[in-house]
């Protein structure tokens, strides 16, 4: 197995991705669910540009690292935080994350929004069809297709997973 290629983005790159996404949306959204942590910044940028004011968050957890890989992929998600059904019922809802890799997290949130009576549409900055666990399923809206590990500008030189740029 070859190591994955890494692509480090700038804020200008992110702005271009947002500018590419906004014209794709059909109709207005009455709510947005941002998936923590990756969907918070793209969700905030999209909410501002689209005038969405009913903003909610969902936090999802899967089994810890170190468990059997196959069992990990088949595990049910644990929702640490999720909006009340009344906040979603009857609303056309944009579900936002940064990347659709395996698709597990955003699909779990989409299903739960639907079960709450909302009408979910998924949106990511990057779609990786090579890691997708859901066959031909894909995000409703995405700005780019990639096979790389994406490093966003808000991930550089911050936190436990920090990425140092060359020369640092």
Protein backbone atom coordinates (compact mmCIF):
# COMPACT_ATOMS: atom_id res chain seq x y z
CA UNK A 1 0.00 0.00 0.00
CA UNK A 2 1.48 3.31 -1.08
CA UNK A 3 1.47 6.30 1.27
CA UNK A 4 -1.23 8.78 0.42
CA UNK A 5 -0.35 12.01 -1.28
CA UNK A 6 -0.82 15.11 0.91
CA UNK A 7 -2.20 18.38 -0.39
CA UNK A 8 -1.81 21.51 1.77
CA UNK A 9 -4.36 24.23 1.05
CA UNK A 10 -4.23 27.97 1.61
CA UNK A 11 -7.10 30.25 2.62
CA UNK A 12 -7.23 31.38 -1.01
CA UNK A 13 -7.75 27.75 -2.05
CA UNK A 14 -10.59 27.43 0.48
CA UNK A 15 -12.21 30.63 -0.80
CA UNK A 16 -12.09 29.22 -4.34
CA UNK A 17 -13.73 25.99 -3.16
CA UNK A 18 -16.52 27.94 -1.43
CA UNK A 19 -16.97 30.08 -4.56
CA UNK A 20 -17.26 26.87 -6.59
CA UNK A 21 -19.87 25.40 -4.23
CA UNK A 22 -22.29 28.30 -3.81
CA UNK A 23 -23.59 28.40 -7.42
CA UNK A 24 -24.34 24.64 -7.25
CA UNK A 25 -27.06 24.95 -4.63
CA UNK A 26 -30.60 24.55 -5.85
CA UNK A 27 -33.16 26.40 -3.75
CA UNK A 28 -32.73 27.76 -0.26
CA UNK A 29 -31.87 25.90 2.89
CA UNK A 30 -33.81 26.50 6.08
CA UNK A 31 -31.13 24.98 8.32
CA UNK A 32 -27.54 23.84 8.37
CA UNK A 33 -25.97 21.05 10.41
CA UNK A 34 -22.21 21.42 10.68
CA UNK A 35 -20.36 18.24 11.60
CA UNK A 36 -17.75 18.84 14.27
CA UNK A 37 -14.89 19.48 13.88
CA UNK A 38 -14.22 19.48 10.15
CA UNK A 39 -17.49 21.06 9.04
CA UNK A 40 -17.43 24.07 11.34
CA UNK A 41 -15.24 26.40 9.27
CA UNK A 42 -16.62 25.47 5.82
CA UNK A 43 -20.13 25.54 7.28
CA UNK A 44 -19.60 29.00 8.74
CA UNK A 45 -18.26 30.31 5.44
CA UNK A 46 -21.20 28.80 3.53
CA UNK A 47 -23.78 30.02 6.05
CA UNK A 48 -22.43 33.56 5.79
CA UNK A 49 -22.37 33.56 1.99
CA UNK A 50 -25.85 32.00 1.72
CA UNK A 51 -27.56 33.86 4.55
CA UNK A 52 -28.43 30.71 6.52
CA UNK A 53 -29.14 31.64 10.15
CA UNK A 54 -30.56 28.38 11.58
CA UNK A 55 -27.18 26.76 12.32
CA UNK A 56 -26.80 23.53 14.29
CA UNK A 57 -23.98 21.09 15.06
CA UNK A 58 -23.61 17.33 15.21
CA UNK A 59 -20.76 15.46 16.87
CA UNK A 60 -20.27 11.83 15.89
CA UNK A 61 -17.84 9.26 17.26
CA UNK A 62 -16.81 5.84 15.99
CA UNK A 63 -14.81 3.16 17.89
CA UNK A 64 -11.36 4.16 19.09
CA UNK A 65 -8.19 3.55 17.13
CA UNK A 66 -6.55 0.21 17.74
CA UNK A 67 -9.69 -1.89 17.46
CA UNK A 68 -9.93 -4.37 14.61
CA UNK A 69 -10.05 -2.38 11.36
CA UNK A 70 -13.01 -4.28 9.89
CA UNK A 71 -15.02 -4.03 13.11
CA UNK A 72 -14.25 -0.32 13.22
CA UNK A 73 -15.62 0.21 9.71
CA UNK A 74 -18.83 -1.67 10.47
CA UNK A 75 -19.50 -0.06 13.86
CA UNK A 76 -22.55 2.05 14.57
CA UNK A 77 -21.84 5.71 15.26
CA UNK A 78 -22.28 7.26 18.67
CA UNK A 79 -23.86 10.69 18.54
CA UNK A 80 -22.19 12.82 21.20
CA UNK A 81 -24.29 15.82 20.22
CA UNK A 82 -27.23 16.16 17.84
CA UNK A 83 -29.99 18.76 17.36
CA UNK A 84 -33.47 18.16 18.73
CA UNK A 85 -35.93 16.75 16.19
CA UNK A 86 -38.03 19.93 16.40
CA UNK A 87 -35.05 21.95 15.11
CA UNK A 88 -34.93 19.82 11.93
CA UNK A 89 -38.49 18.68 11.28
CA UNK A 90 -39.78 19.93 7.93
CA UNK A 91 -36.62 21.89 7.17
CA UNK A 92 -34.52 21.64 4.03
CA UNK A 93 -31.15 21.09 5.75
CA UNK A 94 -27.61 21.38 4.42
CA UNK A 95 -25.28 18.90 6.20
CA UNK A 96 -21.69 20.17 5.95
CA UNK A 97 -18.31 18.52 6.55
CA UNK A 98 -14.85 19.18 5.16
CA UNK A 99 -14.20 15.82 3.45
CA UNK A 100 -16.21 12.79 2.38
CA UNK A 101 -13.58 10.08 2.82
CA UNK A 102 -15.25 6.84 3.86
CA UNK A 103 -18.58 8.68 4.01
CA UNK A 104 -19.54 7.12 7.35
CA UNK A 105 -19.88 10.29 9.40
CA UNK A 106 -21.82 12.44 6.96
CA UNK A 107 -24.06 9.52 5.98
CA UNK A 108 -24.87 8.84 9.64
CA UNK A 109 -25.80 12.49 10.15
CA UNK A 110 -27.86 12.58 6.93
CA UNK A 111 -29.84 9.51 8.03
CA UNK A 112 -30.48 11.00 11.46
CA UNK A 113 -31.62 14.35 10.00
CA UNK A 114 -34.02 12.43 7.77
CA UNK A 115 -35.27 10.36 10.73
CA UNK A 116 -35.95 13.65 12.53
CA UNK A 117 -38.25 14.73 9.72
CA UNK A 118 -35.76 17.01 7.98
CA UNK A 119 -34.80 16.99 4.31
CA UNK A 120 -30.98 16.57 4.28
CA UNK A 121 -28.56 17.46 1.50
CA UNK A 122 -24.86 16.68 1.98
CA UNK A 123 -22.05 19.10 1.19
CA UNK A 124 -18.26 18.80 1.47
CA UNK A 125 -15.27 20.67 0.17
CA UNK A 126 -13.56 17.44 -0.99
CA UNK A 127 -14.97 14.10 -2.11
CA UNK A 128 -12.65 11.09 -2.15
CA UNK A 129 -14.41 8.39 -4.21
CA UNK A 130 -11.46 6.03 -3.69
CA UNK A 131 -12.15 5.70 0.04
CA UNK A 132 -15.95 5.80 -0.18
CA UNK A 133 -17.62 2.87 1.62
CA UNK A 134 -21.06 3.53 0.11
CA UNK A 135 -20.71 2.29 -3.46
CA UNK A 136 -21.98 4.89 -5.89
CA UNK A 137 -23.30 7.20 -3.14
CA UNK A 138 -21.69 10.61 -3.16
CA UNK A 139 -22.26 14.03 -1.62
CA UNK A 140 -25.08 16.08 -3.08
CA UNK A 141 -22.66 19.00 -3.38
CA UNK A 142 -18.86 19.03 -3.43
CA UNK A 143 -16.20 21.44 -4.65
CA UNK A 144 -13.47 19.01 -5.67
CA UNK A 145 -12.64 15.32 -6.13
CA UNK A 146 -9.39 14.11 -4.61
CA UNK A 147 -7.34 11.04 -3.77
CA UNK A 148 -5.07 13.02 -1.44
CA UNK A 149 -5.01 13.63 2.27
CA UNK A 150 -6.14 17.25 2.47
CA UNK A 151 -4.62 19.62 5.01
CA UNK A 152 -6.73 22.76 5.45
CA UNK A 153 -5.21 26.09 6.55
CA UNK A 154 -6.91 25.86 9.94
CA UNK A 155 -5.08 22.55 10.59
CA UNK A 156 -1.56 23.86 9.98
CA UNK A 157 0.62 24.22 13.06
CA UNK A 158 -2.29 23.66 15.48
CA UNK A 159 -3.42 20.89 17.77
CA UNK A 160 -2.21 17.32 18.27
CA UNK A 161 -2.48 16.49 14.56
CA UNK A 162 -0.61 19.59 13.49
CA UNK A 163 1.12 19.70 10.15
CA UNK A 164 4.30 21.67 9.80
CA UNK A 165 4.98 23.33 6.49
CA UNK A 166 8.29 22.66 4.75
CA UNK A 167 11.10 24.74 6.17
CA UNK A 168 9.68 25.03 9.69
